Amino acid sequence: MTPVGVRHPEASVHVERLVKRFGRFTAVDDVSFDASHGEIMGFLGPNGAGKSTVIRILCGLLRPTAGTAIVAGIDVARDPEAVRRRIGYMSQKFSLYNDLEVVENLRFFAGLYGVDHQVAAERIREALSLAGLEGHEHDLTATLAGGWKQRLALGCAVLHRPEILFLDEPTSGVDPMSRRLFWDPIHGMAARGVTVFVSTHYMDEAEYCDRLVLMNRGRVVAMGTPPELRRMFKQGQLLLVQCEPLGEALEVLQQCPEVAEAAVFGNALHVTVEHAETAMATLPALLGGHGVRCDLIKPIAPTLEDVFVRLAAGRAAGAGALL
């Protein structure tokens, strides 16, 4: 990783000590990173972590309070309009016109981006192919399912062939299968050298990224590739505990000296212990003594969500605050 203050020569985006305040509230707090050409960089964290604010600054939509942001060689604070001409941007809110046909939306955005008339028809055909909407050119956009709408919005965002693409929670509210299909064209663009930034609160999407920035409360809690981040989960062994009632089980385990950490993951608990075999033998009886039925307990490999919870909790504890 390039040290803070030293710009990587191949960086398409350089961010150094970026800060954004809204009155007394600090939304982005001392964030630094570089991104290379053709890299897919994911911003992960809960709602309110600062992911979208960072992306909006890099798109020239917000002015930073302090720090430096260089996008495609342009200082965002000095010339945001020049930045916007070089990038593609897709927001988490569906930004197309529902009362227009698919092809009408594409023609409108081609004109908005200043795509030359001589190449616009070919670009629109490419966008239809990217979205998987060939043969649906004259469908009313309002009639499309959520996943198709998102792919159409992506096609509109890249009509002008941007060198950097920003996707702000693009799959929010989309079903898991559509979310997975959405990533196919993104990887294709990255393979052609487009730098892609994606903000998301879906931890499963992290595996599709080359590198990740984990954010919480406006700060970066960790940065690295998915395997590098998983290796940060070093201390203890992780158990999956399926039990009922879940809330009471969590309270019992959090008070148990044998348990280092316990957190709710879906309809089960992830429990960190020093020795998995010993804990698997003793914890069911402990839970049973408190009226909790334990249906399953087994060792599992840590996920990126486990890593994030541990790192975020550690930072919050160090700051004297709770998540």
Protein backbone atom coordinates (compact mmCIF):
# COMPACT_ATOMS: atom_id res chain seq x y z
CA MET A 1 0.00 0.00 0.00
CA THR A 2 1.29 3.43 -0.89
CA PRO A 3 2.14 5.51 2.22
CA VAL A 4 -0.12 8.46 2.98
CA GLY A 5 1.22 11.59 1.29
CA VAL A 6 2.89 9.67 -1.55
CA ARG A 7 0.84 9.36 -4.73
CA HIS A 8 1.20 6.06 -6.57
CA PRO A 9 2.35 6.80 -10.15
CA GLU A 10 -0.33 4.49 -11.61
CA ALA A 11 -3.19 5.76 -9.44
CA SER A 12 -6.31 6.87 -11.29
CA VAL A 13 -7.69 8.20 -7.99
CA HIS A 14 -5.64 9.63 -5.13
CA VAL A 15 -7.26 10.56 -1.81
CA GLU A 16 -5.27 12.03 1.05
CA ARG A 17 -6.58 12.94 4.51
CA LEU A 18 -10.04 13.68 3.19
CA VAL A 19 -12.51 15.33 5.59
CA LYS A 20 -16.14 16.35 5.11
CA ARG A 21 -18.12 18.11 7.83
CA PHE A 22 -21.76 19.13 7.83
CA GLY A 23 -21.91 21.71 10.59
CA ARG A 24 -20.69 19.97 13.72
CA PHE A 25 -21.10 16.49 12.24
CA THR A 26 -18.04 14.85 10.64
CA ALA A 27 -19.23 12.49 7.90
CA VAL A 28 -15.75 11.68 6.52
CA ASP A 29 -12.81 11.75 8.91
CA ASP A 30 -9.20 11.62 7.63
CA VAL A 31 -9.64 9.10 4.79
CA SER A 32 -6.69 8.23 2.51
CA PHE A 33 -6.22 5.68 -0.32
CA ASP A 34 -5.12 5.21 -3.94
CA ALA A 35 -6.94 3.25 -6.66
CA SER A 36 -5.30 1.89 -9.82
CA HIS A 37 -6.56 1.64 -13.40
CA GLY A 38 -8.80 -1.39 -13.85
CA GLU A 39 -9.23 -1.92 -10.12
CA ILE A 40 -12.60 -2.64 -8.50
CA MET A 41 -12.57 -0.96 -5.11
CA GLY A 42 -15.40 -1.60 -2.69
CA PHE A 43 -16.51 0.67 0.14
CA LEU A 44 -18.23 -1.42 2.79
CA GLY A 45 -19.93 -0.48 6.00
CA PRO A 46 -23.31 0.15 7.60
CA ASN A 47 -25.63 2.96 6.57
CA GLY A 48 -24.16 6.27 7.73
CA ALA A 49 -20.56 5.02 7.62
CA GLY A 50 -19.49 7.73 5.13
CA LYS A 51 -19.26 5.59 1.99
CA SER A 52 -21.65 7.61 -0.14
CA THR A 53 -20.18 10.90 1.05
CA VAL A 54 -16.70 9.85 -0.13
CA ILE A 55 -18.06 8.85 -3.53
CA ARG A 56 -20.01 12.10 -3.93
CA ILE A 57 -16.87 14.09 -3.16
CA LEU A 58 -14.89 12.12 -5.75
CA CYS A 59 -17.66 12.75 -8.31
CA GLY A 60 -17.46 16.50 -7.76
CA LEU A 61 -20.94 16.59 -6.20
CA LEU A 62 -19.71 17.69 -2.75
CA ARG A 63 -16.82 19.97 -1.86
CA PRO A 64 -14.42 18.50 0.74
CA THR A 65 -13.88 20.38 3.99
CA ALA A 66 -10.20 19.42 4.03
CA GLY A 67 -7.76 17.08 2.34
CA THR A 68 -6.99 16.21 -1.28
CA ALA A 69 -8.94 14.25 -3.88
CA ILE A 70 -7.40 13.77 -7.35
CA VAL A 71 -9.61 11.97 -9.90
CA ALA A 72 -8.25 11.20 -13.38
CA GLY A 73 -5.45 13.70 -12.69
CA ILE A 74 -7.88 16.49 -11.76
CA ASP A 75 -8.22 18.13 -8.35
CA VAL A 76 -11.90 17.69 -7.48
CA ALA A 77 -12.05 20.83 -5.34
CA ARG A 78 -10.56 23.03 -8.09
CA ASP A 79 -12.41 21.74 -11.15
CA PRO A 80 -15.38 19.49 -10.29
CA GLU A 81 -16.97 20.03 -13.72
CA ALA A 82 -13.89 18.60 -15.49
CA VAL A 83 -14.06 15.57 -13.19
CA ARG A 84 -17.72 14.96 -13.99
CA ARG A 85 -16.91 14.85 -17.72
CA ARG A 86 -14.41 12.02 -17.16
CA ILE A 87 -16.48 9.75 -14.91
CA GLY A 88 -19.67 7.71 -14.85
CA TYR A 89 -21.96 7.85 -11.84
CA MET A 90 -24.89 5.69 -10.79
CA SER A 91 -26.69 6.50 -7.55
CA GLN A 92 -28.50 4.15 -5.19
CA LYS A 93 -31.81 5.74 -6.20
CA PHE A 94 -33.21 4.75 -9.59
CA SER A 95 -32.41 7.79 -11.72
CA LEU A 96 -34.09 6.99 -15.04
CA TYR A 97 -37.46 8.13 -16.38
CA ASN A 98 -40.17 5.54 -15.82
CA ASP A 99 -42.53 7.06 -18.37
CA LEU A 100 -39.98 6.66 -21.21
CA GLU A 101 -39.17 3.55 -23.21
CA VAL A 102 -35.85 1.80 -22.60
CA VAL A 103 -34.32 3.19 -25.80
CA GLU A 104 -35.67 6.68 -25.08
CA ASN A 105 -33.84 6.72 -21.76
CA LEU A 106 -30.64 5.67 -23.52
CA ARG A 107 -31.03 8.36 -26.19
CA PHE A 108 -31.70 10.99 -23.54
CA PHE A 109 -28.55 10.14 -21.55
CA ALA A 110 -26.45 9.89 -24.72
CA GLY A 111 -27.44 13.47 -25.47
CA LEU A 112 -26.89 14.54 -21.86
CA TYR A 113 -23.34 13.16 -21.96
CA GLY A 114 -22.64 14.76 -25.32
CA VAL A 115 -22.12 11.49 -27.18
CA ASP A 116 -21.56 12.24 -30.87
CA HIS A 117 -24.58 11.43 -33.06
CA GLN A 118 -22.41 9.34 -35.38
CA VAL A 119 -21.49 6.90 -32.59
CA ALA A 120 -24.61 7.19 -30.39
CA ALA A 121 -26.51 4.38 -32.16
CA GLU A 122 -23.62 1.94 -31.69
CA ARG A 123 -23.17 2.97 -28.03
CA ILE A 124 -26.89 2.42 -27.40
CA ARG A 125 -26.67 -1.07 -28.93
CA GLU A 126 -23.71 -1.80 -26.64
CA ALA A 127 -25.66 -0.54 -23.62
CA LEU A 128 -28.65 -2.73 -24.51
CA SER A 129 -26.33 -5.73 -24.75
CA LEU A 130 -24.65 -4.85 -21.43
CA ALA A 131 -28.06 -4.60 -19.75
CA GLY A 132 -29.36 -7.77 -21.43
CA LEU A 133 -32.28 -5.81 -22.85
CA GLU A 134 -31.96 -6.56 -26.57
CA GLY A 135 -35.47 -7.00 -27.93
CA HIS A 136 -36.92 -4.88 -25.11
CA GLU A 137 -35.97 -1.49 -26.56
CA HIS A 138 -39.55 -0.27 -26.65
CA ASP A 139 -40.64 -1.62 -23.26
CA LEU A 140 -41.81 1.08 -20.88
CA THR A 141 -39.11 1.50 -18.25
CA ALA A 142 -41.71 1.45 -15.45
CA THR A 143 -42.60 -2.15 -16.38
CA LEU A 144 -39.05 -3.48 -15.86
CA ALA A 145 -38.16 -5.53 -12.78
CA GLY A 146 -35.72 -3.94 -10.31
CA GLY A 147 -32.69 -5.85 -11.55
CA TRP A 148 -33.34 -4.90 -15.17
CA LYS A 149 -33.79 -1.25 -14.21
CA GLN A 150 -30.43 -1.24 -12.42
CA ARG A 151 -28.65 -2.75 -15.43
CA LEU A 152 -30.32 -0.18 -17.68
CA ALA A 153 -29.12 2.58 -15.35
CA LEU A 154 -25.60 1.12 -15.56
CA GLY A 155 -25.81 1.11 -19.37
CA CYS A 156 -26.82 4.78 -19.33
CA ALA A 157 -23.95 5.66 -16.95
CA VAL A 158 -21.28 4.33 -19.34
CA LEU A 159 -22.57 5.59 -22.70
CA HIS A 160 -19.77 8.18 -22.85
CA ARG A 161 -17.06 5.54 -22.09
CA PRO A 162 -15.88 6.95 -18.74
CA GLU A 163 -12.44 5.97 -17.45
CA ILE A 164 -13.69 5.86 -13.86
CA LEU A 165 -17.09 4.55 -12.76
CA PHE A 166 -18.73 5.29 -9.41
CA LEU A 167 -21.59 3.08 -8.24
CA ASP A 168 -23.27 4.29 -5.05
CA GLU A 169 -25.09 1.29 -3.51
CA PRO A 170 -26.27 0.24 -6.98
CA THR A 171 -27.89 -3.03 -5.87
CA SER A 172 -29.80 -1.70 -2.86
CA GLY A 173 -33.24 -3.30 -2.78
CA VAL A 174 -32.43 -5.76 -5.59
CA ASP A 175 -32.88 -9.53 -5.13
CA PRO A 176 -29.71 -11.66 -4.59
CA MET A 177 -29.73 -13.26 -8.06
CA SER A 178 -30.07 -9.89 -9.80
CA ARG A 179 -27.28 -8.53 -7.61
CA ARG A 180 -24.98 -11.33 -8.74
CA LEU A 181 -25.80 -10.81 -12.43
CA PHE A 182 -25.21 -7.06 -12.05
CA TRP A 183 -21.51 -7.74 -11.40
CA ASP A 184 -20.79 -9.49 -14.71
CA PRO A 185 -20.60 -6.27 -16.81
CA ILE A 186 -18.68 -4.52 -14.03
CA HIS A 187 -15.90 -7.10 -14.22
CA GLY A 188 -15.90 -6.76 -18.01
CA MET A 189 -15.36 -3.00 -17.76
CA ALA A 190 -12.59 -3.40 -15.19
CA ALA A 191 -10.85 -5.87 -17.52
CA ARG A 192 -10.80 -3.08 -20.14
CA GLY A 193 -9.04 -0.72 -17.70
CA VAL A 194 -12.00 1.14 -16.16
CA THR A 195 -11.52 1.90 -12.47
CA VAL A 196 -14.70 1.01 -10.58
CA PHE A 197 -15.77 2.27 -7.14
CA VAL A 198 -18.69 0.51 -5.48
CA SER A 199 -20.26 1.41 -2.16
CA THR A 200 -22.42 -1.25 -0.53
CA HIS A 201 -23.63 -2.52 2.81
CA TYR A 202 -23.93 -6.08 1.44
CA MET A 203 -20.90 -7.93 2.78
CA ASP A 204 -21.34 -10.80 0.28
CA GLU A 205 -20.59 -8.35 -2.56
CA ALA A 206 -17.12 -7.77 -1.08
CA GLU A 207 -15.88 -10.95 -2.75
CA TYR A 208 -16.44 -9.36 -6.17
CA CYS A 209 -13.99 -6.53 -5.41
CA ASP A 210 -10.22 -6.47 -5.90
CA ARG A 211 -9.70 -4.35 -2.80
CA LEU A 212 -11.91 -3.16 0.03
CA VAL A 213 -12.18 -0.13 2.28
CA LEU A 214 -14.12 -0.95 5.46
CA MET A 215 -15.66 2.20 6.91
CA ASN A 216 -17.46 2.97 10.15
CA ARG A 217 -18.48 6.36 11.54
CA GLY A 218 -16.66 8.22 8.80
CA ARG A 219 -13.29 6.52 9.31
CA VAL A 220 -11.44 3.68 7.60
CA VAL A 221 -11.22 0.73 9.99
CA ALA A 222 -9.34 -1.52 7.53
CA MET A 223 -8.21 -1.72 3.91
CA GLY A 224 -6.97 -4.59 1.77
CA THR A 225 -7.96 -7.50 -0.46
CA PRO A 226 -10.68 -9.87 0.80
CA PRO A 227 -8.10 -12.57 1.75
CA GLU A 228 -5.92 -9.98 3.51
CA LEU A 229 -8.86 -8.77 5.57
CA ARG A 230 -9.95 -12.27 6.53
CA ARG A 231 -6.43 -12.92 7.84
CA MET A 232 -6.98 -10.08 10.32
CA PHE A 233 -9.30 -12.39 12.25
CA LYS A 234 -6.40 -14.01 14.11
CA GLN A 235 -7.30 -14.39 17.76
CA GLY A 236 -9.61 -17.21 18.80
CA GLN A 237 -11.78 -19.66 16.92
CA LEU A 238 -15.24 -18.97 15.53
CA LEU A 239 -18.36 -21.02 16.25
CA LEU A 240 -21.80 -20.92 14.64
CA VAL A 241 -24.48 -21.34 17.31
CA GLN A 242 -28.11 -21.90 16.29
CA CYS A 243 -30.35 -21.58 19.33
CA GLU A 244 -33.69 -20.29 20.63
CA PRO A 245 -34.48 -17.76 22.02
CA LEU A 246 -31.66 -15.86 20.35
CA GLY A 247 -31.70 -12.71 22.49
CA GLU A 248 -31.39 -14.57 25.77
CA ALA A 249 -28.63 -16.80 24.33
CA LEU A 250 -26.67 -13.69 23.35
CA GLU A 251 -26.93 -12.26 26.88
CA VAL A 252 -25.78 -15.55 28.43
CA LEU A 253 -22.80 -15.98 26.10
CA GLN A 254 -21.67 -12.36 26.46
CA GLN A 255 -21.37 -12.95 30.21
CA CYS A 256 -19.49 -16.25 29.80
CA PRO A 257 -15.70 -16.03 30.59
CA GLU A 258 -15.07 -18.67 27.94
CA VAL A 259 -16.49 -16.43 25.21
CA ALA A 260 -14.40 -13.57 23.80
CA GLU A 261 -17.13 -12.17 21.51
CA ALA A 262 -20.71 -13.02 20.55
CA ALA A 263 -22.85 -11.33 17.90
CA VAL A 264 -26.08 -11.99 16.02
CA PHE A 265 -25.69 -13.06 12.38
CA GLY A 266 -29.06 -13.64 10.73
CA ASN A 267 -30.95 -16.25 12.75
CA ALA A 268 -27.86 -17.54 14.57
CA LEU A 269 -24.90 -16.36 16.67
CA HIS A 270 -21.24 -16.13 15.77
CA VAL A 271 -19.23 -16.80 18.90
CA THR A 272 -15.46 -16.36 19.29
CA VAL A 273 -13.75 -18.67 21.79
CA GLU A 274 -10.18 -19.65 22.56
CA HIS A 275 -10.68 -23.42 22.18
CA ALA A 276 -13.50 -24.56 19.89
CA GLU A 277 -13.63 -28.21 21.01
CA THR A 278 -13.90 -27.32 24.68
CA ALA A 279 -16.56 -24.68 24.03
CA MET A 280 -18.61 -27.03 21.85
CA ALA A 281 -18.76 -29.43 24.79
CA THR A 282 -19.65 -26.90 27.50
CA LEU A 283 -21.73 -24.13 25.89
CA PRO A 284 -24.87 -26.20 25.09
CA ALA A 285 -25.18 -27.17 28.76
CA LEU A 286 -24.63 -23.56 29.83
CA LEU A 287 -27.35 -22.35 27.49
CA GLY A 288 -29.69 -25.16 28.51
CA GLY A 289 -29.30 -24.12 32.14
CA HIS A 290 -30.77 -20.74 31.19
CA GLY A 291 -33.70 -22.19 29.24
CA VAL A 292 -32.08 -21.80 25.81
CA ARG A 293 -32.40 -24.66 23.33
CA CYS A 294 -29.18 -25.21 21.34
CA ASP A 295 -29.91 -26.84 17.97
CA LEU A 296 -26.46 -26.63 16.38
CA ILE A 297 -22.95 -25.60 17.33
CA LYS A 298 -20.02 -26.00 14.95
CA PRO A 299 -16.73 -24.30 13.97
CA ILE A 300 -16.83 -22.02 10.89
CA ALA A 301 -14.37 -19.89 8.94
CA PRO A 302 -14.65 -16.13 9.60
CA THR A 303 -16.41 -14.04 6.97
CA LEU A 304 -15.65 -10.46 6.04
CA GLU A 305 -18.64 -9.45 8.15
CA ASP A 306 -17.00 -11.11 11.18
CA VAL A 307 -13.81 -9.17 10.44
CA PHE A 308 -15.74 -5.92 10.11
CA VAL A 309 -17.65 -6.43 13.36
CA ARG A 310 -14.43 -7.15 15.24
CA LEU A 311 -12.52 -4.21 13.77
CA ALA A 312 -15.40 -1.75 14.14
CA ALA A 313 -16.06 -2.86 17.71
CA GLY A 314 -12.37 -2.53 18.55
CA ARG A 315 -12.21 1.02 17.17
CA ALA A 316 -15.41 1.99 19.00
CA ALA A 317 -14.10 0.59 22.28
CA GLY A 318 -10.86 2.48 21.83
CA ALA A 319 -12.84 5.68 21.34
CA GLY A 320 -14.94 5.02 24.41
CA ALA A 321 -18.12 4.58 22.39
CA LEU A 322 -20.49 1.81 21.47
CA LEU A 323 -21.46 0.68 17.96
